[in-house]
Amino acid sequence: MSMPRLLITLGLILVAIGVLWPWLTKLGLGRLPGDIVIERENFRFYFPITTSILISLILSLLFWLFCR
């Protein structure tokens, strides 16, 4: 896969995620079990480990399909 094609594909994926983001948050993406949230009085730490793994699997599948 050439670099321009990879960058265009990545850009299209990012645009699609941006357009679909309002619906993805309603489905619970970003608040899955396993995502770490620590809230204190003046502090909030959020680490979406499960969401990151899920997105990584989906992107790996998409790139595998495009490279085939």
C-alpha atoms as a PDB file:
ATOM      1  CA  MET A   1       0.000   0.000   0.000  1.00  0.00           C
ATOM      2  CA  SER A   2       1.425   3.357  -1.001  1.00  0.00           C
ATOM      3  CA  MET A   3       1.750   6.224   1.459  1.00  0.00           C
ATOM      4  CA  PRO A   4      -0.820   8.536  -0.235  1.00  0.00           C
ATOM      5  CA  ARG A   5      -3.411   5.760  -0.263  1.00  0.00           C
ATOM      6  CA  LEU A   6      -2.738   4.997   3.412  1.00  0.00           C
ATOM      7  CA  LEU A   7      -3.085   8.669   4.381  1.00  0.00           C
ATOM      8  CA  ILE A   8      -6.326   9.057   2.415  1.00  0.00           C
ATOM      9  CA  THR A   9      -7.738   5.924   4.041  1.00  0.00           C
ATOM     10  CA  LEU A  10      -6.733   7.115   7.491  1.00  0.00           C
ATOM     11  CA  GLY A  11      -8.286  10.518   6.790  1.00  0.00           C
ATOM     12  CA  LEU A  12     -11.558   8.960   5.657  1.00  0.00           C
ATOM     13  CA  ILE A  13     -11.676   6.795   8.775  1.00  0.00           C
ATOM     14  CA  LEU A  14     -11.135   9.845  10.987  1.00  0.00           C
ATOM     15  CA  VAL A  15     -13.861  11.776   9.167  1.00  0.00           C
ATOM     16  CA  ALA A  16     -16.256   8.838   9.553  1.00  0.00           C
ATOM     17  CA  ILE A  17     -15.510   8.628  13.293  1.00  0.00           C
ATOM     18  CA  GLY A  18     -16.051  12.370  13.621  1.00  0.00           C
ATOM     19  CA  VAL A  19     -19.408  12.195  11.859  1.00  0.00           C
ATOM     20  CA  LEU A  20     -20.541   9.125  13.806  1.00  0.00           C
ATOM     21  CA  TRP A  21     -19.251  10.324  17.210  1.00  0.00           C
ATOM     22  CA  PRO A  22     -22.638  11.580  18.547  1.00  0.00           C
ATOM     23  CA  TRP A  23     -24.189   8.170  17.877  1.00  0.00           C
ATOM     24  CA  LEU A  24     -21.171   6.251  19.163  1.00  0.00           C
ATOM     25  CA  THR A  25     -21.334   8.028  22.525  1.00  0.00           C
ATOM     26  CA  LYS A  26     -25.024   7.103  22.825  1.00  0.00           C
ATOM     27  CA  LEU A  27     -24.020   3.451  22.345  1.00  0.00           C
ATOM     28  CA  GLY A  28     -21.680   3.707  25.316  1.00  0.00           C
ATOM     29  CA  LEU A  29     -18.397   3.888  23.439  1.00  0.00           C
ATOM     30  CA  GLY A  30     -16.038   5.664  25.784  1.00  0.00           C
ATOM     31  CA  ARG A  31     -17.807   4.386  28.900  1.00  0.00           C
ATOM     32  CA  LEU A  32     -17.257   0.665  28.539  1.00  0.00           C
ATOM     33  CA  PRO A  33     -16.572  -1.656  31.480  1.00  0.00           C
ATOM     34  CA  GLY A  34     -12.823  -1.620  32.011  1.00  0.00           C
ATOM     35  CA  ASP A  35     -12.390   2.068  31.219  1.00  0.00           C
ATOM     36  CA  ILE A  36     -10.667   3.692  34.186  1.00  0.00           C
ATOM     37  CA  VAL A  37     -12.270   6.827  35.651  1.00  0.00           C
ATOM     38  CA  ILE A  38     -10.955   8.443  38.834  1.00  0.00           C
ATOM     39  CA  GLU A  39     -12.864  11.496  40.033  1.00  0.00           C
ATOM     40  CA  ARG A  40     -11.746  13.592  42.975  1.00  0.00           C
ATOM     41  CA  GLU A  41     -12.715  17.015  44.240  1.00  0.00           C
ATOM     42  CA  ASN A  42     -10.648  19.071  41.737  1.00  0.00           C
ATOM     43  CA  PHE A  43      -9.327  16.272  39.593  1.00  0.00           C
ATOM     44  CA  ARG A  44     -10.625  13.898  36.947  1.00  0.00           C
ATOM     45  CA  PHE A  45      -8.560  11.172  35.312  1.00  0.00           C
ATOM     46  CA  TYR A  46     -10.034   9.162  32.449  1.00  0.00           C
ATOM     47  CA  PHE A  47      -8.201   6.323  30.701  1.00  0.00           C
ATOM     48  CA  PRO A  48     -10.375   4.439  28.162  1.00  0.00           C
ATOM     49  CA  ILE A  49      -8.397   1.185  28.055  1.00  0.00           C
ATOM     50  CA  THR A  50     -11.276  -1.038  26.896  1.00  0.00           C
ATOM     51  CA  THR A  51     -12.435   1.490  24.316  1.00  0.00           C
ATOM     52  CA  SER A  52      -8.855   1.791  23.008  1.00  0.00           C
ATOM     53  CA  ILE A  53      -8.542  -1.975  22.623  1.00  0.00           C
ATOM     54  CA  LEU A  54     -11.877  -2.182  20.808  1.00  0.00           C
ATOM     55  CA  ILE A  55     -10.968   0.642  18.415  1.00  0.00           C
ATOM     56  CA  SER A  56      -7.558  -0.951  17.813  1.00  0.00           C
ATOM     57  CA  LEU A  57      -9.176  -4.262  16.880  1.00  0.00           C
ATOM     58  CA  ILE A  58     -11.624  -2.565  14.515  1.00  0.00           C
ATOM     59  CA  LEU A  59      -8.889  -0.509  12.822  1.00  0.00           C
ATOM     60  CA  SER A  60      -6.643  -3.575  12.523  1.00  0.00           C
ATOM     61  CA  LEU A  61      -9.463  -5.445  10.818  1.00  0.00           C
ATOM     62  CA  LEU A  62     -10.128  -2.535   8.437  1.00  0.00           C
ATOM     63  CA  PHE A  63      -6.454  -2.164   7.500  1.00  0.00           C
ATOM     64  CA  TRP A  64      -6.172  -5.908   7.003  1.00  0.00           C
ATOM     65  CA  LEU A  65      -9.174  -5.819   4.659  1.00  0.00           C
ATOM     66  CA  PHE A  66      -7.778  -2.840   2.695  1.00  0.00           C
ATOM     67  CA  CYS A  67      -4.358  -4.433   2.304  1.00  0.00           C
ATOM     68  CA  ARG A  68      -5.753  -7.710   1.010  1.00  0.00           C
END
